[in-house]
Amino acid sequence: MIRAFARKFDANKVVSEVSDVSPDKGLRLLGDSHYHVWFDLCAPSDEDYTWLERSFYFHPLTIEDAKQH
């Protein structure tokens, strides 16, 4: 499972916090410079790894290494 979390900043102060949103929404928030976004992986499935590889253009060997740890 992949969960996304984000904080919106204005003048270096947190003005809102978005928790437990879909990975796709988190990816969209990455395009907004006011947001700091992070992704939490908990027992990721093969589909989750595929999403990471396609969304962030991770090299397949990076994904393979992540699956082993």
N, C-alpha and C. Protein backbone atom coordinates (compact mmCIF):
# COMPACT_ATOMS: atom_id res chain seq x y z
N MET A 1 0.84 -1.17 0.00
CA MET A 1 0.00 0.00 0.00
C MET A 1 0.89 1.24 0.00
N ILE A 2 0.54 2.19 -0.83
CA ILE A 2 1.24 3.47 -0.87
C ILE A 2 0.26 4.54 -0.41
N ARG A 3 0.70 5.35 0.54
CA ARG A 3 -0.10 6.49 0.98
C ARG A 3 0.73 7.75 0.78
N ALA A 4 0.07 8.82 0.46
CA ALA A 4 0.76 10.10 0.28
C ALA A 4 0.31 11.07 1.38
N PHE A 5 1.25 11.90 1.79
CA PHE A 5 0.99 12.93 2.78
C PHE A 5 1.60 14.23 2.26
N ALA A 6 0.99 15.37 2.60
CA ALA A 6 1.52 16.64 2.11
C ALA A 6 1.28 17.74 3.13
N ARG A 7 2.19 18.69 3.11
CA ARG A 7 2.02 19.91 3.88
C ARG A 7 2.14 21.08 2.93
N LYS A 8 1.24 22.03 3.08
CA LYS A 8 1.28 23.24 2.26
C LYS A 8 1.91 24.35 3.10
N PHE A 9 2.86 25.03 2.47
CA PHE A 9 3.58 26.10 3.14
C PHE A 9 3.30 27.44 2.48
N ASP A 10 3.27 28.47 3.29
CA ASP A 10 3.20 29.85 2.80
C ASP A 10 4.12 30.66 3.69
N ALA A 11 5.07 31.33 3.09
CA ALA A 11 6.06 32.11 3.84
C ALA A 11 6.73 31.24 4.91
N ASN A 12 7.10 30.02 4.52
CA ASN A 12 7.81 29.08 5.40
C ASN A 12 7.01 28.65 6.62
N LYS A 13 5.70 28.80 6.57
CA LYS A 13 4.84 28.33 7.66
C LYS A 13 3.84 27.33 7.09
N VAL A 14 3.58 26.29 7.86
CA VAL A 14 2.59 25.30 7.45
C VAL A 14 1.21 25.93 7.54
N VAL A 15 0.48 25.90 6.43
CA VAL A 15 -0.87 26.46 6.43
C VAL A 15 -1.93 25.38 6.33
N SER A 16 -1.54 24.20 5.87
CA SER A 16 -2.48 23.08 5.87
C SER A 16 -1.71 21.78 5.74
N GLU A 17 -2.37 20.73 6.16
CA GLU A 17 -1.77 19.41 6.07
C GLU A 17 -2.79 18.46 5.46
N VAL A 18 -2.35 17.70 4.49
CA VAL A 18 -3.20 16.73 3.82
C VAL A 18 -2.65 15.36 4.16
N SER A 19 -3.47 14.51 4.75
CA SER A 19 -2.96 13.20 5.14
C SER A 19 -3.71 12.08 4.43
N ASP A 20 -2.96 11.04 4.16
CA ASP A 20 -3.50 9.80 3.62
C ASP A 20 -4.33 10.01 2.35
N VAL A 21 -3.71 10.65 1.37
CA VAL A 21 -4.37 10.83 0.07
C VAL A 21 -3.84 9.77 -0.89
N SER A 22 -4.50 9.63 -2.00
CA SER A 22 -4.08 8.62 -2.97
C SER A 22 -2.69 8.97 -3.52
N PRO A 23 -1.96 7.97 -3.94
CA PRO A 23 -0.64 8.24 -4.52
C PRO A 23 -0.73 9.17 -5.73
N ASP A 24 -1.77 9.02 -6.55
CA ASP A 24 -1.90 9.89 -7.72
C ASP A 24 -2.12 11.35 -7.33
N LYS A 25 -2.92 11.59 -6.29
CA LYS A 25 -3.10 12.97 -5.83
C LYS A 25 -1.79 13.51 -5.26
N GLY A 26 -1.07 12.68 -4.52
CA GLY A 26 0.23 13.11 -4.00
C GLY A 26 1.18 13.48 -5.13
N LEU A 27 1.14 12.70 -6.20
CA LEU A 27 1.98 12.98 -7.36
C LEU A 27 1.62 14.33 -7.98
N ARG A 28 0.33 14.61 -8.07
CA ARG A 28 -0.11 15.92 -8.60
C ARG A 28 0.34 17.07 -7.71
N LEU A 29 0.29 16.85 -6.38
CA LEU A 29 0.72 17.90 -5.45
C LEU A 29 2.21 18.20 -5.56
N LEU A 30 2.99 17.23 -6.03
CA LEU A 30 4.42 17.47 -6.22
C LEU A 30 4.67 18.60 -7.21
N GLY A 31 3.72 18.82 -8.11
CA GLY A 31 3.86 19.88 -9.10
C GLY A 31 3.61 21.28 -8.55
N ASP A 32 3.12 21.36 -7.33
CA ASP A 32 2.84 22.65 -6.69
C ASP A 32 3.98 22.97 -5.72
N SER A 33 4.71 24.03 -5.99
CA SER A 33 5.89 24.36 -5.17
C SER A 33 5.55 24.72 -3.73
N HIS A 34 4.28 24.92 -3.41
CA HIS A 34 3.89 25.23 -2.03
C HIS A 34 3.77 23.98 -1.16
N TYR A 35 3.79 22.81 -1.79
CA TYR A 35 3.61 21.56 -1.05
C TYR A 35 4.90 20.79 -0.89
N HIS A 36 5.06 20.20 0.26
CA HIS A 36 6.09 19.19 0.51
C HIS A 36 5.33 17.88 0.63
N VAL A 37 5.70 16.91 -0.19
CA VAL A 37 4.95 15.65 -0.27
C VAL A 37 5.88 14.49 0.07
N TRP A 38 5.36 13.51 0.78
CA TRP A 38 6.10 12.29 0.99
C TRP A 38 5.16 11.10 0.84
N PHE A 39 5.75 9.97 0.52
CA PHE A 39 5.00 8.75 0.26
C PHE A 39 5.43 7.69 1.26
N ASP A 40 4.45 7.00 1.80
CA ASP A 40 4.69 5.95 2.78
C ASP A 40 4.32 4.61 2.14
N LEU A 41 5.26 3.67 2.18
CA LEU A 41 5.02 2.34 1.63
C LEU A 41 4.91 1.36 2.79
N CYS A 42 3.81 0.63 2.83
CA CYS A 42 3.59 -0.37 3.86
C CYS A 42 3.21 -1.67 3.17
N ALA A 43 4.11 -2.64 3.22
CA ALA A 43 3.90 -3.93 2.55
C ALA A 43 3.48 -3.73 1.09
N PRO A 44 4.31 -3.04 0.30
CA PRO A 44 3.92 -2.73 -1.08
C PRO A 44 3.72 -3.98 -1.94
N SER A 45 2.73 -3.90 -2.79
CA SER A 45 2.43 -4.98 -3.73
C SER A 45 3.22 -4.77 -5.02
N ASP A 46 3.16 -5.73 -5.90
CA ASP A 46 3.81 -5.58 -7.20
C ASP A 46 3.24 -4.39 -7.96
N GLU A 47 1.92 -4.17 -7.82
CA GLU A 47 1.30 -3.01 -8.46
C GLU A 47 1.87 -1.70 -7.90
N ASP A 48 2.11 -1.66 -6.61
CA ASP A 48 2.70 -0.46 -5.99
C ASP A 48 4.09 -0.20 -6.55
N TYR A 49 4.90 -1.25 -6.67
CA TYR A 49 6.23 -1.08 -7.24
C TYR A 49 6.17 -0.62 -8.70
N THR A 50 5.22 -1.14 -9.44
CA THR A 50 5.04 -0.71 -10.83
C THR A 50 4.66 0.76 -10.88
N TRP A 51 3.79 1.20 -9.97
CA TRP A 51 3.39 2.61 -9.92
C TRP A 51 4.61 3.48 -9.63
N LEU A 52 5.45 3.06 -8.66
CA LEU A 52 6.65 3.83 -8.34
C LEU A 52 7.59 3.93 -9.54
N GLU A 53 7.79 2.80 -10.20
CA GLU A 53 8.70 2.78 -11.35
C GLU A 53 8.21 3.70 -12.46
N ARG A 54 6.92 3.67 -12.74
CA ARG A 54 6.37 4.50 -13.83
C ARG A 54 6.24 5.96 -13.44
N SER A 55 5.88 6.22 -12.20
CA SER A 55 5.65 7.61 -11.77
C SER A 55 6.94 8.39 -11.58
N PHE A 56 7.99 7.72 -11.09
CA PHE A 56 9.24 8.40 -10.78
C PHE A 56 10.40 7.97 -11.66
N TYR A 57 10.09 7.13 -12.64
CA TYR A 57 11.10 6.67 -13.60
C TYR A 57 12.29 5.99 -12.92
N PHE A 58 11.99 5.23 -11.84
CA PHE A 58 13.05 4.46 -11.19
C PHE A 58 13.55 3.39 -12.14
N HIS A 59 14.83 3.14 -12.08
CA HIS A 59 15.43 2.07 -12.87
C HIS A 59 14.89 0.74 -12.35
N PRO A 60 14.62 -0.22 -13.24
CA PRO A 60 14.09 -1.52 -12.80
C PRO A 60 14.96 -2.22 -11.74
N LEU A 61 16.27 -2.03 -11.80
CA LEU A 61 17.13 -2.65 -10.79
C LEU A 61 16.93 -2.00 -9.42
N THR A 62 16.59 -0.74 -9.39
CA THR A 62 16.29 -0.07 -8.12
C THR A 62 15.05 -0.68 -7.49
N ILE A 63 14.04 -0.92 -8.32
CA ILE A 63 12.82 -1.54 -7.82
C ILE A 63 13.11 -2.97 -7.34
N GLU A 64 13.91 -3.69 -8.10
CA GLU A 64 14.27 -5.05 -7.71
C GLU A 64 14.97 -5.06 -6.35
N ASP A 65 15.90 -4.13 -6.16
CA ASP A 65 16.60 -4.03 -4.86
C ASP A 65 15.62 -3.70 -3.74
N ALA A 66 14.69 -2.80 -4.00
CA ALA A 66 13.71 -2.41 -2.97
C ALA A 66 12.84 -3.59 -2.58
N LYS A 67 12.51 -4.43 -3.52
CA LYS A 67 11.68 -5.60 -3.22
C LYS A 67 12.39 -6.58 -2.29
N GLN A 68 13.72 -6.61 -2.36
CA GLN A 68 14.48 -7.55 -1.55
C GLN A 68 14.70 -7.06 -0.12
N HIS A 69 14.43 -5.79 0.15
CA HIS A 69 14.71 -5.25 1.49
C HIS A 69 13.46 -4.85 2.18
